[in-house]
Amino acid sequence: MYRLSHEEPEDHWEVEALYDLCFAPGREALSSYRLRDGTDPVSRLCRVARDGDGILAGAIRFWPVRVGAAPALLLGPVAVHPTRQGEGLGGALINDSVGRAAENGWARVLLVGDEPYYRRFGFHRLEGVIMPPPTNPDRVLGHGDWQGVAGPVTAWTPPG
């Protein structure tokens, strides 16, 4: 049994260590990380999963971005400790947090991933949404209302 809760500031380095374990320390060289530079994650949507002993088993974060002029959330990373994979924890984190995103007024969520895996959570390939290179366009997926939304994905700038 796992308990999902908000990622708190004291969780930060433990979550970072999990991401390093799952994705290697070089993960921050990915182009999607340039979209996160200088921007805080949407803290109320960042979640952690802990087992009954309080041991971190998984985590998910969201970052605000723009697609053309439209606001969107960039999901990622989502990670499950290698010893906990295959238990449905990643799916639980995704379903829980994408639902919370909609409840908090975010109409669309974006990620870079494998469509056959993410399709079960309602994600589909996006046409006309351009992630920074060298992202494979076939891996740019969206959830929510993408009608009429297209263009380059850029770092978040507050409305104004």
C-alpha atoms as a PDB file:
ATOM      1  CA  MET A   1       0.000   0.000   0.000  1.00  0.00           C
ATOM      2  CA  TYR A   2       1.280   3.439  -0.950  1.00  0.00           C
ATOM      3  CA  ARG A   3       0.350   6.882   0.271  1.00  0.00           C
ATOM      4  CA  LEU A   4       0.315   9.659  -2.334  1.00  0.00           C
ATOM      5  CA  SER A   5       0.944  13.154  -1.019  1.00  0.00           C
ATOM      6  CA  HIS A   6       2.250  16.546  -2.072  1.00  0.00           C
ATOM      7  CA  GLU A   7       5.977  16.809  -2.553  1.00  0.00           C
ATOM      8  CA  GLU A   8       7.172  18.954   0.332  1.00  0.00           C
ATOM      9  CA  PRO A   9      10.380  21.033   0.334  1.00  0.00           C
ATOM     10  CA  GLU A  10      12.051  18.469   2.605  1.00  0.00           C
ATOM     11  CA  ASP A  11      11.398  15.791  -0.070  1.00  0.00           C
ATOM     12  CA  HIS A  12      13.390  17.638  -2.743  1.00  0.00           C
ATOM     13  CA  TRP A  13      16.776  15.923  -2.515  1.00  0.00           C
ATOM     14  CA  GLU A  14      15.291  12.486  -1.984  1.00  0.00           C
ATOM     15  CA  VAL A  15      13.171  12.960  -5.118  1.00  0.00           C
ATOM     16  CA  GLU A  16      16.205  14.234  -7.045  1.00  0.00           C
ATOM     17  CA  ALA A  17      18.139  11.112  -6.010  1.00  0.00           C
ATOM     18  CA  LEU A  18      15.256   8.937  -7.261  1.00  0.00           C
ATOM     19  CA  TYR A  19      15.283  10.764 -10.606  1.00  0.00           C
ATOM     20  CA  ASP A  20      19.063  10.308 -10.866  1.00  0.00           C
ATOM     21  CA  LEU A  21      18.683   6.599 -10.117  1.00  0.00           C
ATOM     22  CA  CYS A  22      15.934   6.129 -12.711  1.00  0.00           C
ATOM     23  CA  PHE A  23      17.223   8.437 -15.451  1.00  0.00           C
ATOM     24  CA  ALA A  24      20.956   8.943 -14.738  1.00  0.00           C
ATOM     25  CA  PRO A  25      22.482  12.241 -13.657  1.00  0.00           C
ATOM     26  CA  GLY A  26      22.783  13.348 -17.308  1.00  0.00           C
ATOM     27  CA  ARG A  27      18.996  13.696 -17.474  1.00  0.00           C
ATOM     28  CA  GLU A  28      19.275  17.444 -17.002  1.00  0.00           C
ATOM     29  CA  ALA A  29      20.976  17.761 -20.393  1.00  0.00           C
ATOM     30  CA  LEU A  30      17.677  16.915 -22.122  1.00  0.00           C
ATOM     31  CA  SER A  31      16.014  19.741 -24.045  1.00  0.00           C
ATOM     32  CA  SER A  32      12.892  19.507 -21.867  1.00  0.00           C
ATOM     33  CA  TYR A  33      14.993  20.692 -18.934  1.00  0.00           C
ATOM     34  CA  ARG A  34      15.678  23.988 -20.728  1.00  0.00           C
ATOM     35  CA  LEU A  35      11.937  24.638 -20.477  1.00  0.00           C
ATOM     36  CA  ARG A  36      12.199  24.252 -16.700  1.00  0.00           C
ATOM     37  CA  ASP A  37      15.211  26.514 -16.157  1.00  0.00           C
ATOM     38  CA  GLY A  38      14.335  29.448 -13.920  1.00  0.00           C
ATOM     39  CA  THR A  39      10.765  28.215 -13.401  1.00  0.00           C
ATOM     40  CA  ASP A  40       9.351  26.610 -10.302  1.00  0.00           C
ATOM     41  CA  PRO A  41       7.322  23.430 -10.663  1.00  0.00           C
ATOM     42  CA  VAL A  42       3.594  23.648  -9.985  1.00  0.00           C
ATOM     43  CA  SER A  43       4.017  22.547  -6.382  1.00  0.00           C
ATOM     44  CA  ARG A  44       0.387  21.634  -5.681  1.00  0.00           C
ATOM     45  CA  LEU A  45       0.581  19.043  -8.479  1.00  0.00           C
ATOM     46  CA  CYS A  46       3.974  17.543  -7.623  1.00  0.00           C
ATOM     47  CA  ARG A  47       3.382  14.283  -5.789  1.00  0.00           C
ATOM     48  CA  VAL A  48       5.345  11.595  -4.013  1.00  0.00           C
ATOM     49  CA  ALA A  49       4.411   8.010  -3.219  1.00  0.00           C
ATOM     50  CA  ARG A  50       5.673   6.439  -0.007  1.00  0.00           C
ATOM     51  CA  ASP A  51       5.202   2.944   1.315  1.00  0.00           C
ATOM     52  CA  GLY A  52       3.937   2.089   4.792  1.00  0.00           C
ATOM     53  CA  ASP A  53       7.421   2.621   6.221  1.00  0.00           C
ATOM     54  CA  GLY A  54       7.696   6.096   4.681  1.00  0.00           C
ATOM     55  CA  ILE A  55      10.209   5.022   2.034  1.00  0.00           C
ATOM     56  CA  LEU A  56       9.999   6.970  -1.220  1.00  0.00           C
ATOM     57  CA  ALA A  57       8.767   4.708  -4.022  1.00  0.00           C
ATOM     58  CA  GLY A  58       7.791   7.198  -6.737  1.00  0.00           C
ATOM     59  CA  ALA A  59       7.468  10.858  -7.674  1.00  0.00           C
ATOM     60  CA  ILE A  60       5.971  13.078 -10.354  1.00  0.00           C
ATOM     61  CA  ARG A  61       6.429  16.758 -11.157  1.00  0.00           C
ATOM     62  CA  PHE A  62       4.712  19.300 -13.423  1.00  0.00           C
ATOM     63  CA  TRP A  63       6.039  22.519 -14.922  1.00  0.00           C
ATOM     64  CA  PRO A  64       4.139  25.378 -16.547  1.00  0.00           C
ATOM     65  CA  VAL A  65       4.996  26.030 -20.196  1.00  0.00           C
ATOM     66  CA  ARG A  66       3.437  27.744 -23.194  1.00  0.00           C
ATOM     67  CA  VAL A  67       2.458  26.121 -26.459  1.00  0.00           C
ATOM     68  CA  GLY A  68       2.160  29.009 -28.838  1.00  0.00           C
ATOM     69  CA  ALA A  69       0.265  31.446 -26.612  1.00  0.00           C
ATOM     70  CA  ALA A  70      -1.631  28.761 -24.670  1.00  0.00           C
ATOM     71  CA  PRO A  71      -0.685  27.717 -21.147  1.00  0.00           C
ATOM     72  CA  ALA A  72       0.006  24.028 -20.579  1.00  0.00           C
ATOM     73  CA  LEU A  73       1.656  21.725 -18.083  1.00  0.00           C
ATOM     74  CA  LEU A  74       4.774  19.742 -18.903  1.00  0.00           C
ATOM     75  CA  LEU A  75       4.571  16.425 -17.052  1.00  0.00           C
ATOM     76  CA  GLY A  76       7.866  15.039 -15.947  1.00  0.00           C
ATOM     77  CA  PRO A  77       9.726  13.502 -14.725  1.00  0.00           C
ATOM     78  CA  VAL A  78       7.663  10.656 -13.357  1.00  0.00           C
ATOM     79  CA  ALA A  79       9.699   7.907 -11.749  1.00  0.00           C
ATOM     80  CA  VAL A  80       9.191   4.732  -9.768  1.00  0.00           C
ATOM     81  CA  HIS A  81      12.027   3.128  -7.841  1.00  0.00           C
ATOM     82  CA  PRO A  82      13.319   0.099  -9.790  1.00  0.00           C
ATOM     83  CA  THR A  83      12.379  -2.261  -6.946  1.00  0.00           C
ATOM     84  CA  ARG A  84       8.772  -0.987  -7.076  1.00  0.00           C
ATOM     85  CA  GLN A  85       8.184  -1.033 -10.825  1.00  0.00           C
ATOM     86  CA  GLY A  86       5.397  -3.194 -12.219  1.00  0.00           C
ATOM     87  CA  GLU A  87       3.073  -2.518  -9.292  1.00  0.00           C
ATOM     88  CA  GLY A  88       0.999   0.177 -11.020  1.00  0.00           C
ATOM     89  CA  LEU A  89       2.506   2.991  -9.003  1.00  0.00           C
ATOM     90  CA  GLY A  90       3.502   5.084 -12.042  1.00  0.00           C
ATOM     91  CA  GLY A  91      -0.053   4.854 -13.339  1.00  0.00           C
ATOM     92  CA  ALA A  92      -1.454   5.829  -9.958  1.00  0.00           C
ATOM     93  CA  LEU A  93       0.801   8.910  -9.861  1.00  0.00           C
ATOM     94  CA  ILE A  94      -0.171   9.914 -13.404  1.00  0.00           C
ATOM     95  CA  ASN A  95      -3.925   9.416 -12.930  1.00  0.00           C
ATOM     96  CA  ASP A  96      -3.938  11.185  -9.576  1.00  0.00           C
ATOM     97  CA  SER A  97      -1.933  14.203 -10.689  1.00  0.00           C
ATOM     98  CA  VAL A  98      -3.511  14.657 -14.147  1.00  0.00           C
ATOM     99  CA  GLY A  99      -6.903  14.643 -12.433  1.00  0.00           C
ATOM    100  CA  ARG A 100      -5.679  17.247  -9.959  1.00  0.00           C
ATOM    101  CA  ALA A 101      -4.318  19.355 -12.824  1.00  0.00           C
ATOM    102  CA  ALA A 102      -7.791  19.522 -14.410  1.00  0.00           C
ATOM    103  CA  GLU A 103      -9.354  20.340 -11.026  1.00  0.00           C
ATOM    104  CA  ASN A 104      -6.854  23.203 -10.698  1.00  0.00           C
ATOM    105  CA  GLY A 105      -7.836  24.724 -14.045  1.00  0.00           C
ATOM    106  CA  TRP A 106      -5.102  23.329 -16.296  1.00  0.00           C
ATOM    107  CA  ALA A 107      -6.809  22.410 -19.579  1.00  0.00           C
ATOM    108  CA  ARG A 108      -3.888  20.555 -21.122  1.00  0.00           C
ATOM    109  CA  VAL A 109      -0.916  18.421 -20.142  1.00  0.00           C
ATOM    110  CA  LEU A 110       2.080  17.713 -22.359  1.00  0.00           C
ATOM    111  CA  LEU A 111       4.795  15.077 -22.100  1.00  0.00           C
ATOM    112  CA  VAL A 112       7.499  13.403 -24.131  1.00  0.00           C
ATOM    113  CA  GLY A 113       7.109   9.635 -24.023  1.00  0.00           C
ATOM    114  CA  ASP A 114       5.978   6.414 -25.630  1.00  0.00           C
ATOM    115  CA  GLU A 115       2.395   6.657 -26.892  1.00  0.00           C
ATOM    116  CA  PRO A 116       1.643   2.931 -26.456  1.00  0.00           C
ATOM    117  CA  TYR A 117       2.354   3.294 -22.721  1.00  0.00           C
ATOM    118  CA  TYR A 118       0.745   6.703 -22.090  1.00  0.00           C
ATOM    119  CA  ARG A 119      -2.362   6.091 -24.227  1.00  0.00           C
ATOM    120  CA  ARG A 120      -3.942   4.192 -21.312  1.00  0.00           C
ATOM    121  CA  PHE A 121      -3.921   7.467 -19.343  1.00  0.00           C
ATOM    122  CA  GLY A 122      -5.626   9.437 -22.123  1.00  0.00           C
ATOM    123  CA  PHE A 123      -2.532  10.828 -23.858  1.00  0.00           C
ATOM    124  CA  HIS A 124      -2.311  11.008 -27.649  1.00  0.00           C
ATOM    125  CA  ARG A 125       0.224  12.217 -30.201  1.00  0.00           C
ATOM    126  CA  LEU A 126       0.053  15.955 -30.806  1.00  0.00           C
ATOM    127  CA  GLU A 127       0.263  17.430 -34.279  1.00  0.00           C
ATOM    128  CA  GLY A 128       1.753  20.897 -34.617  1.00  0.00           C
ATOM    129  CA  VAL A 129       3.208  21.056 -31.107  1.00  0.00           C
ATOM    130  CA  ILE A 130       6.943  21.566 -31.444  1.00  0.00           C
ATOM    131  CA  MET A 131       9.252  20.659 -28.577  1.00  0.00           C
ATOM    132  CA  PRO A 132      12.811  22.005 -28.644  1.00  0.00           C
ATOM    133  CA  PRO A 133      15.200  19.816 -30.645  1.00  0.00           C
ATOM    134  CA  PRO A 134      16.285  17.101 -30.687  1.00  0.00           C
ATOM    135  CA  THR A 135      12.886  15.809 -29.466  1.00  0.00           C
ATOM    136  CA  ASN A 136      11.289  13.193 -31.719  1.00  0.00           C
ATOM    137  CA  PRO A 137       7.885  14.647 -32.762  1.00  0.00           C
ATOM    138  CA  ASP A 138       6.290  11.171 -32.538  1.00  0.00           C
ATOM    139  CA  ARG A 139       6.919  11.252 -28.776  1.00  0.00           C
ATOM    140  CA  VAL A 140       5.173  14.586 -28.115  1.00  0.00           C
ATOM    141  CA  LEU A 141       1.933  13.607 -26.388  1.00  0.00           C
ATOM    142  CA  GLY A 142      -0.950  15.534 -24.890  1.00  0.00           C
ATOM    143  CA  HIS A 143      -3.913  15.082 -22.570  1.00  0.00           C
ATOM    144  CA  GLY A 144      -6.880  17.410 -22.290  1.00  0.00           C
ATOM    145  CA  ASP A 145      -8.135  20.129 -24.629  1.00  0.00           C
ATOM    146  CA  TRP A 146      -5.654  20.648 -27.459  1.00  0.00           C
ATOM    147  CA  GLN A 147      -8.216  21.872 -30.006  1.00  0.00           C
ATOM    148  CA  GLY A 148      -6.624  24.767 -31.913  1.00  0.00           C
ATOM    149  CA  VAL A 149      -3.428  24.718 -29.845  1.00  0.00           C
ATOM    150  CA  ALA A 150      -0.187  24.476 -31.813  1.00  0.00           C
ATOM    151  CA  GLY A 151       3.233  26.025 -32.059  1.00  0.00           C
ATOM    152  CA  PRO A 152       6.527  25.867 -30.276  1.00  0.00           C
ATOM    153  CA  VAL A 153       6.722  24.836 -26.638  1.00  0.00           C
ATOM    154  CA  THR A 154       8.449  27.626 -24.723  1.00  0.00           C
ATOM    155  CA  ALA A 155       9.368  28.348 -21.142  1.00  0.00           C
ATOM    156  CA  TRP A 156       6.662  29.765 -18.910  1.00  0.00           C
ATOM    157  CA  THR A 157       6.129  33.481 -18.759  1.00  0.00           C
ATOM    158  CA  PRO A 158       3.439  34.769 -16.428  1.00  0.00           C
ATOM    159  CA  PRO A 159       0.380  36.269 -18.164  1.00  0.00           C
ATOM    160  CA  GLY A 160       0.480  40.002 -18.437  1.00  0.00           C
END
